[in-house]
């Protein structure tokens, strides 16, 4: 039987350093790095921290319109799969298409 090596922390205090870690993630294979980190941040951060992440992401000159292997932009990808329209609105307000 496998033993859990990490304890899930609920409502963990986030700070800029923890949010910035999402920018260091690397995809496996040929996936777009920018699409990958957007996906990870979207899945791992509440909207208020995702907004901070987006500011950092854009400040680094990263591509908010990065596409997946199927040619979908990130905002198009989550638009059809999200119950959280505020993420889509935030992305569009930052220039996502």
PDB file of N, CA and C in Angstrom:
ATOM      1  N   UNK A   1       0.841  -1.186   0.000  1.00  0.00           N
ATOM      2  CA  UNK A   1       0.000   0.000   0.000  1.00  0.00           C
ATOM      3  C   UNK A   1       0.886   1.249   0.000  1.00  0.00           C
ATOM      4  N   UNK A   2       0.532   2.197  -0.825  1.00  0.00           N
ATOM      5  CA  UNK A   2       1.293   3.436  -0.903  1.00  0.00           C
ATOM      6  C   UNK A   2       0.942   4.357   0.262  1.00  0.00           C
ATOM      7  N   UNK A   3       1.940   5.023   0.756  1.00  0.00           N
ATOM      8  CA  UNK A   3       1.759   5.961   1.857  1.00  0.00           C
ATOM      9  C   UNK A   3       1.777   7.382   1.315  1.00  0.00           C
ATOM     10  N   UNK A   4       0.861   8.198   1.795  1.00  0.00           N
ATOM     11  CA  UNK A   4       0.860   9.600   1.385  1.00  0.00           C
ATOM     12  C   UNK A   4       2.078  10.283   1.965  1.00  0.00           C
ATOM     13  N   UNK A   5       2.778  11.045   1.140  1.00  0.00           N
ATOM     14  CA  UNK A   5       3.960  11.751   1.636  1.00  0.00           C
ATOM     15  C   UNK A   5       3.719  13.244   1.780  1.00  0.00           C
ATOM     16  N   UNK A   6       2.514  13.694   1.425  1.00  0.00           N
ATOM     17  CA  UNK A   6       2.193  15.112   1.533  1.00  0.00           C
ATOM     18  C   UNK A   6       0.849  15.265   2.213  1.00  0.00           C
ATOM     19  N   UNK A   7       0.738  16.272   3.011  1.00  0.00           N
ATOM     20  CA  UNK A   7      -0.525  16.583   3.660  1.00  0.00           C
ATOM     21  C   UNK A   7      -1.187  17.690   2.856  1.00  0.00           C
ATOM     22  N   UNK A   8      -2.444  17.495   2.521  1.00  0.00           N
ATOM     23  CA  UNK A   8      -3.166  18.519   1.795  1.00  0.00           C
ATOM     24  C   UNK A   8      -3.464  19.669   2.745  1.00  0.00           C
ATOM     25  N   UNK A   9      -3.116  20.868   2.318  1.00  0.00           N
ATOM     26  CA  UNK A   9      -3.341  22.046   3.143  1.00  0.00           C
ATOM     27  C   UNK A   9      -4.495  22.824   2.539  1.00  0.00           C
ATOM     28  N   UNK A  10      -5.504  23.029   3.339  1.00  0.00           N
ATOM     29  CA  UNK A  10      -6.682  23.744   2.882  1.00  0.00           C
ATOM     30  C   UNK A  10      -6.567  25.191   3.323  1.00  0.00           C
ATOM     31  N   UNK A  11      -6.912  26.094   2.434  1.00  0.00           N
ATOM     32  CA  UNK A  11      -6.823  27.531   2.713  1.00  0.00           C
ATOM     33  C   UNK A  11      -5.409  27.949   3.093  1.00  0.00           C
ATOM     34  N   UNK A  12      -4.431  27.375   2.427  1.00  0.00           N
ATOM     35  CA  UNK A  12      -3.040  27.738   2.672  1.00  0.00           C
ATOM     36  C   UNK A  12      -2.816  29.204   2.308  1.00  0.00           C
ATOM     37  N   UNK A  13      -2.084  29.900   3.137  1.00  0.00           N
ATOM     38  CA  UNK A  13      -1.735  31.294   2.871  1.00  0.00           C
ATOM     39  C   UNK A  13      -0.831  31.349   1.643  1.00  0.00           C
ATOM     40  N   UNK A  14      -1.220  32.126   0.673  1.00  0.00           N
ATOM     41  CA  UNK A  14      -0.413  32.269  -0.533  1.00  0.00           C
ATOM     42  C   UNK A  14       0.333  33.596  -0.461  1.00  0.00           C
ATOM     43  N   UNK A  15       1.501  33.606  -1.071  1.00  0.00           N
ATOM     44  CA  UNK A  15       2.256  34.846  -1.196  1.00  0.00           C
ATOM     45  C   UNK A  15       2.855  34.863  -2.598  1.00  0.00           C
ATOM     46  N   UNK A  16       3.511  35.976  -2.949  1.00  0.00           N
ATOM     47  CA  UNK A  16       4.054  36.113  -4.305  1.00  0.00           C
ATOM     48  C   UNK A  16       5.036  35.001  -4.645  1.00  0.00           C
ATOM     49  N   UNK A  17       5.836  34.581  -3.685  1.00  0.00           N
ATOM     50  CA  UNK A  17       6.822  33.524  -3.946  1.00  0.00           C
ATOM     51  C   UNK A  17       6.136  32.213  -4.332  1.00  0.00           C
ATOM     52  N   UNK A  18       5.089  31.861  -3.615  1.00  0.00           N
ATOM     53  CA  UNK A  18       4.365  30.621  -3.915  1.00  0.00           C
ATOM     54  C   UNK A  18       3.635  30.718  -5.258  1.00  0.00           C
ATOM     55  N   UNK A  19       3.086  31.877  -5.532  1.00  0.00           N
ATOM     56  CA  UNK A  19       2.400  32.070  -6.815  1.00  0.00           C
ATOM     57  C   UNK A  19       3.409  32.025  -7.957  1.00  0.00           C
ATOM     58  N   UNK A  20       4.569  32.633  -7.758  1.00  0.00           N
ATOM     59  CA  UNK A  20       5.606  32.682  -8.785  1.00  0.00           C
ATOM     60  C   UNK A  20       6.118  31.276  -9.155  1.00  0.00           C
ATOM     61  N   UNK A  21       6.013  30.337  -8.256  1.00  0.00           N
ATOM     62  CA  UNK A  21       6.468  28.962  -8.546  1.00  0.00           C
ATOM     63  C   UNK A  21       5.775  28.356  -9.755  1.00  0.00           C
ATOM     64  N   UNK A  22       4.544  28.771  -9.991  1.00  0.00           N
ATOM     65  CA  UNK A  22       3.833  28.251 -11.165  1.00  0.00           C
ATOM     66  C   UNK A  22       4.569  28.605 -12.452  1.00  0.00           C
ATOM     67  N   UNK A  23       5.266  29.715 -12.463  1.00  0.00           N
ATOM     68  CA  UNK A  23       5.997  30.144 -13.661  1.00  0.00           C
ATOM     69  C   UNK A  23       7.224  29.280 -13.939  1.00  0.00           C
ATOM     70  N   UNK A  24       7.651  28.490 -12.979  1.00  0.00           N
ATOM     71  CA  UNK A  24       8.843  27.661 -13.154  1.00  0.00           C
ATOM     72  C   UNK A  24       8.510  26.245 -13.619  1.00  0.00           C
ATOM     73  N   UNK A  25       7.240  25.919 -13.694  1.00  0.00           N
ATOM     74  CA  UNK A  25       6.838  24.569 -14.091  1.00  0.00           C
ATOM     75  C   UNK A  25       7.170  24.313 -15.555  1.00  0.00           C
ATOM     76  N   UNK A  26       7.537  23.091 -15.841  1.00  0.00           N
ATOM     77  CA  UNK A  26       7.888  22.693 -17.210  1.00  0.00           C
ATOM     78  C   UNK A  26       6.989  21.548 -17.659  1.00  0.00           C
ATOM     79  N   UNK A  27       6.498  21.630 -18.887  1.00  0.00           N
ATOM     80  CA  UNK A  27       5.640  20.556 -19.398  1.00  0.00           C
ATOM     81  C   UNK A  27       6.458  19.332 -19.794  1.00  0.00           C
ATOM     82  N   UNK A  28       5.746  18.249 -19.967  1.00  0.00           N
ATOM     83  CA  UNK A  28       6.358  17.033 -20.496  1.00  0.00           C
ATOM     84  C   UNK A  28       6.143  17.030 -22.000  1.00  0.00           C
ATOM     85  N   UNK A  29       7.119  16.581 -22.736  1.00  0.00           N
ATOM     86  CA  UNK A  29       6.960  16.498 -24.180  1.00  0.00           C
ATOM     87  C   UNK A  29       6.958  17.842 -24.860  1.00  0.00           C
ATOM     88  N   UNK A  30       6.140  17.942 -25.914  1.00  0.00           N
ATOM     89  CA  UNK A  30       6.141  19.121 -26.774  1.00  0.00           C
ATOM     90  C   UNK A  30       5.068  20.152 -26.438  1.00  0.00           C
ATOM     91  N   UNK A  31       4.381  19.990 -25.328  1.00  0.00           N
ATOM     92  CA  UNK A  31       3.325  20.934 -24.964  1.00  0.00           C
ATOM     93  C   UNK A  31       3.893  22.340 -24.784  1.00  0.00           C
ATOM     94  N   UNK A  32       3.132  23.342 -25.161  1.00  0.00           N
ATOM     95  CA  UNK A  32       3.523  24.737 -24.976  1.00  0.00           C
ATOM     96  C   UNK A  32       3.737  25.015 -23.488  1.00  0.00           C
ATOM     97  N   UNK A  33       4.891  25.561 -23.153  1.00  0.00           N
ATOM     98  CA  UNK A  33       5.193  25.867 -21.755  1.00  0.00           C
ATOM     99  C   UNK A  33       4.209  26.888 -21.192  1.00  0.00           C
ATOM    100  N   UNK A  34       3.865  27.902 -21.968  1.00  0.00           N
ATOM    101  CA  UNK A  34       2.942  28.920 -21.483  1.00  0.00           C
ATOM    102  C   UNK A  34       1.543  28.343 -21.270  1.00  0.00           C
ATOM    103  N   UNK A  35       1.077  27.510 -22.173  1.00  0.00           N
ATOM    104  CA  UNK A  35      -0.227  26.864 -22.008  1.00  0.00           C
ATOM    105  C   UNK A  35      -0.209  25.989 -20.760  1.00  0.00           C
ATOM    106  N   UNK A  36       0.873  25.275 -20.560  1.00  0.00           N
ATOM    107  CA  UNK A  36       1.017  24.375 -19.411  1.00  0.00           C
ATOM    108  C   UNK A  36       0.945  25.141 -18.091  1.00  0.00           C
ATOM    109  N   UNK A  37       1.716  26.225 -17.954  1.00  0.00           N
ATOM    110  CA  UNK A  37       1.709  26.951 -16.682  1.00  0.00           C
ATOM    111  C   UNK A  37       0.381  27.666 -16.469  1.00  0.00           C
ATOM    112  N   UNK A  38      -0.258  28.144 -17.520  1.00  0.00           N
ATOM    113  CA  UNK A  38      -1.601  28.718 -17.376  1.00  0.00           C
ATOM    114  C   UNK A  38      -2.577  27.674 -16.837  1.00  0.00           C
ATOM    115  N   UNK A  39      -2.505  26.465 -17.375  1.00  0.00           N
ATOM    116  CA  UNK A  39      -3.382  25.384 -16.935  1.00  0.00           C
ATOM    117  C   UNK A  39      -3.141  25.050 -15.472  1.00  0.00           C
ATOM    118  N   UNK A  40      -1.879  24.894 -15.099  1.00  0.00           N
ATOM    119  CA  UNK A  40      -1.547  24.546 -13.713  1.00  0.00           C
ATOM    120  C   UNK A  40      -1.997  25.633 -12.748  1.00  0.00           C
ATOM    121  N   UNK A  41      -1.780  26.895 -13.100  1.00  0.00           N
ATOM    122  CA  UNK A  41      -2.184  28.002 -12.231  1.00  0.00           C
ATOM    123  C   UNK A  41      -3.709  28.073 -12.135  1.00  0.00           C
ATOM    124  N   UNK A  42      -4.390  27.887 -13.257  1.00  0.00           N
ATOM    125  CA  UNK A  42      -5.855  27.903 -13.272  1.00  0.00           C
ATOM    126  C   UNK A  42      -6.411  26.817 -12.355  1.00  0.00           C
ATOM    127  N   UNK A  43      -5.824  25.642 -12.429  1.00  0.00           N
ATOM    128  CA  UNK A  43      -6.304  24.527 -11.614  1.00  0.00           C
ATOM    129  C   UNK A  43      -5.895  24.639 -10.144  1.00  0.00           C
ATOM    130  N   UNK A  44      -4.818  25.366  -9.880  1.00  0.00           N
ATOM    131  CA  UNK A  44      -4.288  25.392  -8.524  1.00  0.00           C
ATOM    132  C   UNK A  44      -4.513  26.654  -7.719  1.00  0.00           C
ATOM    133  N   UNK A  45      -5.061  27.687  -8.352  1.00  0.00           N
ATOM    134  CA  UNK A  45      -5.188  28.960  -7.645  1.00  0.00           C
ATOM    135  C   UNK A  45      -6.622  29.487  -7.681  1.00  0.00           C
ATOM    136  N   UNK A  46      -7.084  30.038  -6.570  1.00  0.00           N
ATOM    137  CA  UNK A  46      -8.364  30.749  -6.606  1.00  0.00           C
ATOM    138  C   UNK A  46      -8.213  32.021  -7.446  1.00  0.00           C
ATOM    139  N   UNK A  47      -9.308  32.610  -7.833  1.00  0.00           N
ATOM    140  CA  UNK A  47      -9.302  33.731  -8.767  1.00  0.00           C
ATOM    141  C   UNK A  47      -8.414  34.882  -8.312  1.00  0.00           C
ATOM    142  N   UNK A  48      -8.428  35.237  -7.038  1.00  0.00           N
ATOM    143  CA  UNK A  48      -7.630  36.386  -6.599  1.00  0.00           C
ATOM    144  C   UNK A  48      -6.130  36.124  -6.744  1.00  0.00           C
ATOM    145  N   UNK A  49      -5.693  34.904  -6.542  1.00  0.00           N
ATOM    146  CA  UNK A  49      -4.284  34.565  -6.721  1.00  0.00           C
ATOM    147  C   UNK A  49      -3.950  34.344  -8.192  1.00  0.00           C
ATOM    148  N   UNK A  50      -4.935  33.850  -8.948  1.00  0.00           N
ATOM    149  CA  UNK A  50      -4.730  33.693 -10.384  1.00  0.00           C
ATOM    150  C   UNK A  50      -4.525  35.061 -11.037  1.00  0.00           C
ATOM    151  N   UNK A  51      -5.214  36.080 -10.548  1.00  0.00           N
ATOM    152  CA  UNK A  51      -5.036  37.440 -11.059  1.00  0.00           C
ATOM    153  C   UNK A  51      -3.603  37.916 -10.818  1.00  0.00           C
ATOM    154  N   UNK A  52      -3.075  37.632  -9.642  1.00  0.00           N
ATOM    155  CA  UNK A  52      -1.687  37.984  -9.335  1.00  0.00           C
ATOM    156  C   UNK A  52      -0.734  37.208 -10.234  1.00  0.00           C
ATOM    157  N   UNK A  53      -1.017  35.916 -10.413  1.00  0.00           N
ATOM    158  CA  UNK A  53      -0.210  35.079 -11.299  1.00  0.00           C
ATOM    159  C   UNK A  53      -0.184  35.667 -12.715  1.00  0.00           C
ATOM    160  N   UNK A  54      -1.347  36.082 -13.220  1.00  0.00           N
ATOM    161  CA  UNK A  54      -1.408  36.634 -14.578  1.00  0.00           C
ATOM    162  C   UNK A  54      -0.547  37.879 -14.724  1.00  0.00           C
ATOM    163  N   UNK A  55      -0.539  38.725 -13.717  1.00  0.00           N
ATOM    164  CA  UNK A  55       0.321  39.919 -13.751  1.00  0.00           C
ATOM    165  C   UNK A  55       1.786  39.506 -13.877  1.00  0.00           C
ATOM    166  N   UNK A  56       2.201  38.518 -13.103  1.00  0.00           N
ATOM    167  CA  UNK A  56       3.584  38.021 -13.149  1.00  0.00           C
ATOM    168  C   UNK A  56       3.874  37.389 -14.512  1.00  0.00           C
ATOM    169  N   UNK A  57       2.944  36.589 -14.986  1.00  0.00           N
ATOM    170  CA  UNK A  57       3.053  35.889 -16.268  1.00  0.00           C
ATOM    171  C   UNK A  57       3.270  36.893 -17.399  1.00  0.00           C
ATOM    172  N   UNK A  58       2.439  37.917 -17.433  1.00  0.00           N
ATOM    173  CA  UNK A  58       2.528  38.922 -18.486  1.00  0.00           C
ATOM    174  C   UNK A  58       3.775  39.792 -18.337  1.00  0.00           C
ATOM    175  N   UNK A  59       4.175  40.069 -17.108  1.00  0.00           N
ATOM    176  CA  UNK A  59       5.382  40.878 -16.867  1.00  0.00           C
ATOM    177  C   UNK A  59       6.629  40.184 -17.407  1.00  0.00           C
ATOM    178  N   UNK A  60       6.588  38.851 -17.465  1.00  0.00           N
ATOM    179  CA  UNK A  60       7.706  38.080 -18.029  1.00  0.00           C
ATOM    180  C   UNK A  60       7.639  38.006 -19.553  1.00  0.00           C
ATOM    181  N   UNK A  61       6.615  38.601 -20.143  1.00  0.00           N
ATOM    182  CA  UNK A  61       6.482  38.562 -21.597  1.00  0.00           C
ATOM    183  C   UNK A  61       5.952  37.246 -22.113  1.00  0.00           C
ATOM    184  N   UNK A  62       5.253  36.507 -21.274  1.00  0.00           N
ATOM    185  CA  UNK A  62       4.727  35.197 -21.675  1.00  0.00           C
ATOM    186  C   UNK A  62       3.480  35.380 -22.537  1.00  0.00           C
ATOM    187  N   UNK A  63       3.104  34.315 -23.246  1.00  0.00           N
ATOM    188  CA  UNK A  63       2.034  34.358 -24.240  1.00  0.00           C
ATOM    189  C   UNK A  63       0.695  33.940 -23.646  1.00  0.00           C
ATOM    190  N   UNK A  64      -0.179  34.912 -23.390  1.00  0.00           N
ATOM    191  CA  UNK A  64      -1.503  34.632 -22.842  1.00  0.00           C
ATOM    192  C   UNK A  64      -2.389  33.914 -23.865  1.00  0.00           C
ATOM    193  N   UNK A  65      -1.981  33.945 -25.139  1.00  0.00           N
ATOM    194  CA  UNK A  65      -2.726  33.260 -26.195  1.00  0.00           C
ATOM    195  C   UNK A  65      -2.049  31.969 -26.655  1.00  0.00           C
ATOM    196  N   UNK A  66      -1.257  31.391 -25.764  1.00  0.00           N
ATOM    197  CA  UNK A  66      -0.600  30.111 -26.084  1.00  0.00           C
ATOM    198  C   UNK A  66      -1.662  29.072 -26.425  1.00  0.00           C
ATOM    199  N   UNK A  67      -1.286  28.163 -27.307  1.00  0.00           N
ATOM    200  CA  UNK A  67      -2.239  27.152 -27.783  1.00  0.00           C
ATOM    201  C   UNK A  67      -1.796  25.746 -27.366  1.00  0.00           C
ATOM    202  N   UNK A  68      -2.789  24.884 -27.214  1.00  0.00           N
ATOM    203  CA  UNK A  68      -2.498  23.473 -26.934  1.00  0.00           C
ATOM    204  C   UNK A  68      -2.255  22.736 -28.247  1.00  0.00           C
ATOM    205  N   UNK A  69      -2.028  21.446 -28.157  1.00  0.00           N
ATOM    206  CA  UNK A  69      -1.718  20.642 -29.350  1.00  0.00           C
ATOM    207  C   UNK A  69      -2.870  20.616 -30.353  1.00  0.00           C
ATOM    208  N   UNK A  70      -4.099  20.889 -29.871  1.00  0.00           N
ATOM    209  CA  UNK A  70      -5.258  20.898 -30.754  1.00  0.00           C
ATOM    210  C   UNK A  70      -5.504  22.284 -31.354  1.00  0.00           C
ATOM    211  N   UNK A  71      -4.634  23.244 -31.044  1.00  0.00           N
ATOM    212  CA  UNK A  71      -4.745  24.586 -31.598  1.00  0.00           C
ATOM    213  C   UNK A  71      -5.681  25.517 -30.852  1.00  0.00           C
ATOM    214  N   UNK A  72      -6.137  25.106 -29.680  1.00  0.00           N
ATOM    215  CA  UNK A  72      -7.017  25.952 -28.881  1.00  0.00           C
ATOM    216  C   UNK A  72      -6.201  26.900 -28.024  1.00  0.00           C
ATOM    217  N   UNK A  73      -6.647  28.152 -27.963  1.00  0.00           N
ATOM    218  CA  UNK A  73      -6.023  29.076 -27.014  1.00  0.00           C
ATOM    219  C   UNK A  73      -6.468  28.655 -25.619  1.00  0.00           C
ATOM    220  N   UNK A  74      -5.718  29.109 -24.616  1.00  0.00           N
ATOM    221  CA  UNK A  74      -6.050  28.720 -23.249  1.00  0.00           C
ATOM    222  C   UNK A  74      -7.448  29.191 -22.862  1.00  0.00           C
ATOM    223  N   UNK A  75      -7.793  30.434 -23.174  1.00  0.00           N
ATOM    224  CA  UNK A  75      -9.110  30.945 -22.787  1.00  0.00           C
ATOM    225  C   UNK A  75     -10.223  30.168 -23.495  1.00  0.00           C
ATOM    226  N   UNK A  76     -10.029  29.778 -24.740  1.00  0.00           N
ATOM    227  CA  UNK A  76     -11.018  28.959 -25.442  1.00  0.00           C
ATOM    228  C   UNK A  76     -11.152  27.586 -24.796  1.00  0.00           C
ATOM    229  N   UNK A  77     -10.029  27.044 -24.368  1.00  0.00           N
ATOM    230  CA  UNK A  77     -10.014  25.741 -23.718  1.00  0.00           C
ATOM    231  C   UNK A  77     -10.839  25.756 -22.436  1.00  0.00           C
ATOM    232  N   UNK A  78     -10.640  26.764 -21.585  1.00  0.00           N
ATOM    233  CA  UNK A  78     -11.385  26.765 -20.321  1.00  0.00           C
ATOM    234  C   UNK A  78     -12.805  27.295 -20.471  1.00  0.00           C
ATOM    235  N   UNK A  79     -13.041  28.090 -21.485  1.00  0.00           N
ATOM    236  CA  UNK A  79     -14.369  28.663 -21.687  1.00  0.00           C
ATOM    237  C   UNK A  79     -15.428  27.569 -21.814  1.00  0.00           C
ATOM    238  N   UNK A  80     -15.102  26.514 -22.514  1.00  0.00           N
ATOM    239  CA  UNK A  80     -16.053  25.430 -22.701  1.00  0.00           C
ATOM    240  C   UNK A  80     -16.051  24.406 -21.586  1.00  0.00           C
ATOM    241  N   UNK A  81     -15.089  24.499 -20.677  1.00  0.00           N
ATOM    242  CA  UNK A  81     -14.948  23.492 -19.626  1.00  0.00           C
ATOM    243  C   UNK A  81     -15.006  24.075 -18.215  1.00  0.00           C
ATOM    244  N   UNK A  82     -15.466  25.284 -18.072  1.00  0.00           N
ATOM    245  CA  UNK A  82     -15.369  25.934 -16.773  1.00  0.00           C
ATOM    246  C   UNK A  82     -16.717  26.356 -16.230  1.00  0.00           C
ATOM    247  N   UNK A  83     -16.865  26.183 -14.931  1.00  0.00           N
ATOM    248  CA  UNK A  83     -18.023  26.716 -14.225  1.00  0.00           C
ATOM    249  C   UNK A  83     -17.660  28.029 -13.545  1.00  0.00           C
ATOM    250  N   UNK A  84     -16.521  28.590 -13.925  1.00  0.00           N
ATOM    251  CA  UNK A  84     -16.005  29.790 -13.297  1.00  0.00           C
ATOM    252  C   UNK A  84     -15.780  30.873 -14.346  1.00  0.00           C
ATOM    253  N   UNK A  85     -16.842  31.546 -14.767  1.00  0.00           N
ATOM    254  CA  UNK A  85     -16.712  32.549 -15.827  1.00  0.00           C
ATOM    255  C   UNK A  85     -15.800  33.710 -15.441  1.00  0.00           C
ATOM    256  N   UNK A  86     -15.568  33.923 -14.151  1.00  0.00           N
ATOM    257  CA  UNK A  86     -14.696  35.025 -13.749  1.00  0.00           C
ATOM    258  C   UNK A  86     -13.263  34.823 -14.236  1.00  0.00           C
ATOM    259  N   UNK A  87     -12.826  33.581 -14.396  1.00  0.00           N
ATOM    260  CA  UNK A  87     -11.497  33.316 -14.945  1.00  0.00           C
ATOM    261  C   UNK A  87     -11.442  33.737 -16.408  1.00  0.00           C
ATOM    262  N   UNK A  88     -12.475  33.402 -17.153  1.00  0.00           N
ATOM    263  CA  UNK A  88     -12.547  33.768 -18.573  1.00  0.00           C
ATOM    264  C   UNK A  88     -12.578  35.292 -18.704  1.00  0.00           C
ATOM    265  N   UNK A  89     -13.389  35.941 -17.888  1.00  0.00           N
ATOM    266  CA  UNK A  89     -13.475  37.411 -17.929  1.00  0.00           C
ATOM    267  C   UNK A  89     -12.126  38.049 -17.619  1.00  0.00           C
ATOM    268  N   UNK A  90     -11.439  37.532 -16.609  1.00  0.00           N
ATOM    269  CA  UNK A  90     -10.118  38.063 -16.242  1.00  0.00           C
ATOM    270  C   UNK A  90      -9.137  37.887 -17.395  1.00  0.00           C
ATOM    271  N   UNK A  91      -9.085  36.700 -17.976  1.00  0.00           N
ATOM    272  CA  UNK A  91      -8.175  36.443 -19.093  1.00  0.00           C
ATOM    273  C   UNK A  91      -8.473  37.370 -20.271  1.00  0.00           C
ATOM    274  N   UNK A  92      -9.747  37.525 -20.595  1.00  0.00           N
ATOM    275  CA  UNK A  92     -10.124  38.404 -21.720  1.00  0.00           C
ATOM    276  C   UNK A  92      -9.753  39.855 -21.411  1.00  0.00           C
ATOM    277  N   UNK A  93      -9.868  40.276 -20.163  1.00  0.00           N
ATOM    278  CA  UNK A  93      -9.526  41.651 -19.806  1.00  0.00           C
ATOM    279  C   UNK A  93      -8.021  41.905 -19.944  1.00  0.00           C
ATOM    280  N   UNK A  94      -7.226  40.824 -19.966  1.00  0.00           N
ATOM    281  CA  UNK A  94      -5.786  40.929 -20.124  1.00  0.00           C
ATOM    282  C   UNK A  94      -5.351  40.683 -21.566  1.00  0.00           C
ATOM    283  N   UNK A  95      -6.318  40.536 -22.485  1.00  0.00           N
ATOM    284  CA  UNK A  95      -5.988  40.401 -23.897  1.00  0.00           C
ATOM    285  C   UNK A  95      -6.072  38.999 -24.464  1.00  0.00           C
ATOM    286  N   UNK A  96      -6.545  38.040 -23.664  1.00  0.00           N
ATOM    287  CA  UNK A  96      -6.674  36.666 -24.181  1.00  0.00           C
ATOM    288  C   UNK A  96      -7.778  36.598 -25.221  1.00  0.00           C
ATOM    289  N   UNK A  97      -7.510  35.802 -26.265  1.00  0.00           N
ATOM    290  CA  UNK A  97      -8.473  35.638 -27.351  1.00  0.00           C
ATOM    291  C   UNK A  97      -8.820  34.193 -27.534  1.00  0.00           C
TER     292      UNK A  97
END
